[in-house]
N, C-alpha and C. Protein backbone atom coordinates (compact mmCIF):
# COMPACT_ATOMS: atom_id res chain seq x y z
N MET A 1 129.19 89.22 92.69
CA MET A 1 128.95 87.86 93.13
C MET A 1 127.66 87.83 93.94
N LYS A 2 126.72 86.96 93.52
CA LYS A 2 125.49 86.80 94.27
C LYS A 2 125.74 85.95 95.49
N LEU A 3 125.12 86.33 96.57
CA LEU A 3 125.25 85.57 97.80
C LEU A 3 123.98 84.80 98.05
N ASN A 4 123.63 84.62 99.26
CA ASN A 4 122.46 83.82 99.63
C ASN A 4 121.16 84.44 99.17
N LYS A 5 120.13 83.61 99.09
CA LYS A 5 118.79 84.10 98.77
C LYS A 5 118.36 85.09 99.85
N LEU A 6 117.46 85.95 99.46
CA LEU A 6 116.92 86.94 100.39
C LEU A 6 115.45 86.63 100.59
N LYS A 7 114.99 86.61 101.82
CA LYS A 7 113.59 86.35 102.09
C LYS A 7 113.01 87.52 102.87
N ILE A 8 111.94 88.11 102.31
CA ILE A 8 111.22 89.21 102.97
C ILE A 8 109.77 88.78 103.03
N GLY A 9 109.29 88.44 104.19
CA GLY A 9 107.92 87.93 104.31
C GLY A 9 107.76 86.67 103.49
N LYS A 10 106.81 86.66 102.57
CA LYS A 10 106.56 85.50 101.71
C LYS A 10 107.38 85.52 100.43
N ILE A 11 108.13 86.59 100.22
CA ILE A 11 108.89 86.75 98.98
C ILE A 11 110.31 86.24 99.18
N GLU A 12 110.75 85.40 98.24
CA GLU A 12 112.12 84.92 98.26
C GLU A 12 112.75 85.22 96.91
N THR A 13 113.93 85.81 96.94
CA THR A 13 114.63 86.16 95.70
C THR A 13 115.73 85.13 95.44
N PRO A 14 116.16 84.99 94.18
CA PRO A 14 117.22 84.03 93.87
C PRO A 14 118.58 84.44 94.44
N GLY A 15 118.78 85.71 94.66
CA GLY A 15 120.03 86.22 95.22
C GLY A 15 119.73 87.44 96.07
N ASN A 16 120.77 88.19 96.40
CA ASN A 16 120.54 89.35 97.28
C ASN A 16 121.05 90.66 96.68
N LEU A 17 121.03 90.77 95.36
CA LEU A 17 121.41 92.03 94.73
C LEU A 17 120.17 92.91 94.58
N LEU A 18 120.18 94.05 95.24
CA LEU A 18 119.02 94.93 95.28
C LEU A 18 119.32 96.26 94.60
N LEU A 19 118.30 96.80 93.94
CA LEU A 19 118.38 98.16 93.40
C LEU A 19 117.62 99.06 94.36
N ALA A 20 118.32 100.00 94.96
CA ALA A 20 117.70 100.92 95.91
C ALA A 20 116.80 101.91 95.19
N PRO A 21 115.77 102.41 95.86
CA PRO A 21 114.91 103.43 95.24
C PRO A 21 115.67 104.75 95.11
N MET A 22 115.55 105.36 93.92
CA MET A 22 116.23 106.64 93.66
C MET A 22 115.27 107.55 92.91
N ALA A 23 115.07 108.75 93.42
CA ALA A 23 114.15 109.71 92.80
C ALA A 23 114.57 110.02 91.37
N ASP A 24 113.59 110.01 90.47
CA ASP A 24 113.78 110.31 89.05
C ASP A 24 114.76 109.37 88.34
N VAL A 25 115.02 108.21 88.91
CA VAL A 25 115.94 107.26 88.29
C VAL A 25 115.30 105.88 88.13
N THR A 26 114.67 105.37 89.18
CA THR A 26 114.24 103.98 89.17
C THR A 26 112.87 103.78 88.52
N ASN A 27 112.75 104.24 87.27
CA ASN A 27 111.53 103.98 86.51
C ASN A 27 111.59 102.55 85.97
N LEU A 28 110.52 102.11 85.32
CA LEU A 28 110.45 100.73 84.85
C LEU A 28 111.59 100.39 83.91
N ALA A 29 111.91 101.25 82.96
CA ALA A 29 112.98 100.96 82.00
C ALA A 29 114.31 100.73 82.72
N PHE A 30 114.63 101.57 83.70
CA PHE A 30 115.88 101.43 84.43
C PHE A 30 115.87 100.16 85.28
N ARG A 31 114.73 99.88 85.92
CA ARG A 31 114.65 98.66 86.73
C ARG A 31 114.85 97.42 85.87
N LEU A 32 114.26 97.40 84.67
CA LEU A 32 114.43 96.24 83.77
C LEU A 32 115.89 96.11 83.32
N LEU A 33 116.54 97.22 83.06
CA LEU A 33 117.95 97.20 82.70
C LEU A 33 118.78 96.61 83.83
N CYS A 34 118.47 97.01 85.05
CA CYS A 34 119.19 96.49 86.22
C CYS A 34 118.91 95.00 86.39
N ARG A 35 117.69 94.56 86.12
CA ARG A 35 117.37 93.13 86.19
C ARG A 35 118.20 92.34 85.19
N GLN A 36 118.33 92.88 83.98
CA GLN A 36 119.12 92.20 82.94
C GLN A 36 120.58 92.07 83.36
N ASN A 37 120.99 92.92 84.28
CA ASN A 37 122.37 92.90 84.75
C ASN A 37 122.51 92.33 86.16
N GLY A 38 121.50 91.59 86.60
CA GLY A 38 121.65 90.82 87.83
C GLY A 38 120.86 91.23 89.05
N ALA A 39 120.12 92.33 89.00
CA ALA A 39 119.34 92.73 90.18
C ALA A 39 118.24 91.71 90.46
N ASP A 40 118.14 91.28 91.70
CA ASP A 40 117.13 90.30 92.11
C ASP A 40 115.86 90.96 92.62
N LEU A 41 115.97 92.17 93.12
CA LEU A 41 114.84 92.90 93.67
C LEU A 41 115.05 94.37 93.37
N THR A 42 114.01 95.03 92.87
CA THR A 42 114.10 96.46 92.56
C THR A 42 113.00 97.21 93.30
N TYR A 43 113.17 98.51 93.40
CA TYR A 43 112.20 99.38 94.06
C TYR A 43 111.87 100.56 93.16
N THR A 44 110.64 101.03 93.28
CA THR A 44 110.26 102.27 92.62
C THR A 44 110.85 103.43 93.40
N GLU A 45 110.81 104.60 92.79
CA GLU A 45 111.15 105.78 93.57
C GLU A 45 110.00 106.07 94.54
N MET A 46 110.18 107.02 95.42
CA MET A 46 109.17 107.35 96.41
C MET A 46 107.89 107.84 95.73
N ILE A 47 106.77 107.29 96.16
CA ILE A 47 105.47 107.66 95.59
C ILE A 47 104.56 108.11 96.73
N SER A 48 103.89 109.21 96.53
CA SER A 48 102.98 109.76 97.53
C SER A 48 101.70 108.93 97.62
N ALA A 49 101.35 108.51 98.81
CA ALA A 49 100.10 107.76 99.02
C ALA A 49 98.90 108.61 98.60
N ASP A 50 98.93 109.89 98.96
CA ASP A 50 97.82 110.77 98.58
C ASP A 50 97.66 110.82 97.07
N ALA A 51 98.76 110.95 96.36
CA ALA A 51 98.71 111.03 94.90
C ALA A 51 98.15 109.74 94.30
N LEU A 52 98.54 108.60 94.85
CA LEU A 52 98.01 107.33 94.35
C LEU A 52 96.51 107.23 94.59
N LEU A 53 96.07 107.61 95.77
CA LEU A 53 94.65 107.54 96.09
C LEU A 53 93.84 108.49 95.21
N ASN A 54 94.46 109.60 94.80
CA ASN A 54 93.79 110.55 93.90
C ASN A 54 93.99 110.20 92.43
N GLU A 55 94.64 109.06 92.18
CA GLU A 55 94.90 108.55 90.83
C GLU A 55 95.66 109.56 89.97
N ASN A 56 96.66 110.19 90.58
CA ASN A 56 97.52 111.12 89.87
C ASN A 56 98.32 110.34 88.83
N ARG A 57 98.21 110.77 87.56
CA ARG A 57 98.83 110.04 86.45
C ARG A 57 100.33 109.87 86.62
N LYS A 58 101.04 110.93 86.98
CA LYS A 58 102.49 110.86 87.14
C LYS A 58 102.88 109.86 88.23
N SER A 59 102.14 109.86 89.31
CA SER A 59 102.43 108.94 90.41
C SER A 59 102.09 107.50 90.02
N LEU A 60 101.01 107.31 89.30
CA LEU A 60 100.66 105.96 88.84
C LEU A 60 101.74 105.41 87.91
N LEU A 61 102.30 106.26 87.07
CA LEU A 61 103.37 105.82 86.16
C LEU A 61 104.63 105.41 86.92
N LYS A 62 104.89 106.05 88.05
CA LYS A 62 106.07 105.69 88.85
C LYS A 62 105.97 104.26 89.35
N GLY A 63 104.75 103.77 89.57
CA GLY A 63 104.55 102.41 90.06
C GLY A 63 104.33 101.39 88.97
N LEU A 64 104.44 101.81 87.73
CA LEU A 64 104.25 100.91 86.59
C LEU A 64 105.25 99.76 86.65
N SER A 65 104.77 98.56 86.32
CA SER A 65 105.64 97.39 86.36
C SER A 65 105.30 96.46 85.21
N SER A 66 106.00 95.34 85.15
CA SER A 66 105.77 94.32 84.13
C SER A 66 106.13 92.97 84.74
N PRO A 67 105.75 91.87 84.09
CA PRO A 67 106.08 90.55 84.64
C PRO A 67 107.59 90.34 84.83
N GLU A 68 108.41 90.97 83.99
CA GLU A 68 109.86 90.83 84.13
C GLU A 68 110.41 91.58 85.34
N ASP A 69 109.60 92.43 85.91
CA ASP A 69 110.02 93.27 87.04
C ASP A 69 109.44 92.75 88.35
N ARG A 70 109.51 91.46 88.54
CA ARG A 70 108.97 90.84 89.76
C ARG A 70 110.06 90.07 90.47
N PRO A 71 110.12 90.07 91.75
CA PRO A 71 109.36 90.94 92.64
C PRO A 71 109.95 92.35 92.64
N PHE A 72 109.12 93.31 93.00
CA PHE A 72 109.60 94.68 93.13
C PHE A 72 108.91 95.33 94.32
N GLY A 73 109.55 96.35 94.86
CA GLY A 73 109.00 97.07 96.00
C GLY A 73 108.57 98.46 95.59
N VAL A 74 107.61 98.99 96.32
CA VAL A 74 107.13 100.35 96.11
C VAL A 74 107.44 101.14 97.36
N GLN A 75 108.16 102.24 97.20
CA GLN A 75 108.49 103.09 98.34
C GLN A 75 107.39 104.14 98.47
N LEU A 76 106.60 104.02 99.53
CA LEU A 76 105.48 104.93 99.75
C LEU A 76 105.83 105.98 100.79
N VAL A 77 105.27 107.17 100.60
CA VAL A 77 105.44 108.24 101.58
C VAL A 77 104.05 108.81 101.88
N GLY A 78 103.83 109.10 103.14
CA GLY A 78 102.56 109.69 103.54
C GLY A 78 102.56 109.97 105.03
N SER A 79 101.71 110.89 105.43
CA SER A 79 101.66 111.26 106.85
C SER A 79 100.41 110.71 107.53
N SER A 80 99.56 110.05 106.77
CA SER A 80 98.32 109.54 107.33
C SER A 80 98.32 108.01 107.31
N PRO A 81 98.40 107.37 108.48
CA PRO A 81 98.37 105.91 108.54
C PRO A 81 97.10 105.35 107.88
N GLU A 82 95.98 106.07 107.99
CA GLU A 82 94.74 105.59 107.39
C GLU A 82 94.85 105.51 105.87
N LYS A 83 95.45 106.54 105.26
CA LYS A 83 95.59 106.55 103.81
C LYS A 83 96.57 105.48 103.35
N LEU A 84 97.63 105.28 104.10
CA LEU A 84 98.59 104.22 103.75
C LEU A 84 97.91 102.85 103.84
N ARG A 85 97.09 102.65 104.86
CA ARG A 85 96.36 101.38 104.99
C ARG A 85 95.38 101.20 103.84
N GLU A 86 94.78 102.30 103.41
CA GLU A 86 93.80 102.24 102.31
C GLU A 86 94.43 101.70 101.03
N LEU A 87 95.72 101.93 100.84
CA LEU A 87 96.40 101.45 99.65
C LEU A 87 96.56 99.93 99.65
N ARG A 88 96.48 99.31 100.80
CA ARG A 88 96.61 97.85 100.88
C ARG A 88 95.41 97.15 100.27
N SER A 89 94.28 97.82 100.19
CA SER A 89 93.05 97.19 99.70
C SER A 89 93.02 97.09 98.19
């Protein structure tokens, strides 16, 4: 049963069913499957900020999305606040 809308910053979802980030599980295909079954918001698995900044192919694929996968969250990991900020640009 869906409950109230969820609002995070400027993002508002139609309901509050969320798919938590799970390593080696929450790829795009799985997130889309969960959306078809009611998920309002999905997350990628943890992605290294360093790997993204270095354009590591495997890490870039973890963040792959599509219009049907909106809104979605990206779980980032890193030890450098500067590098994490750099990803916002």
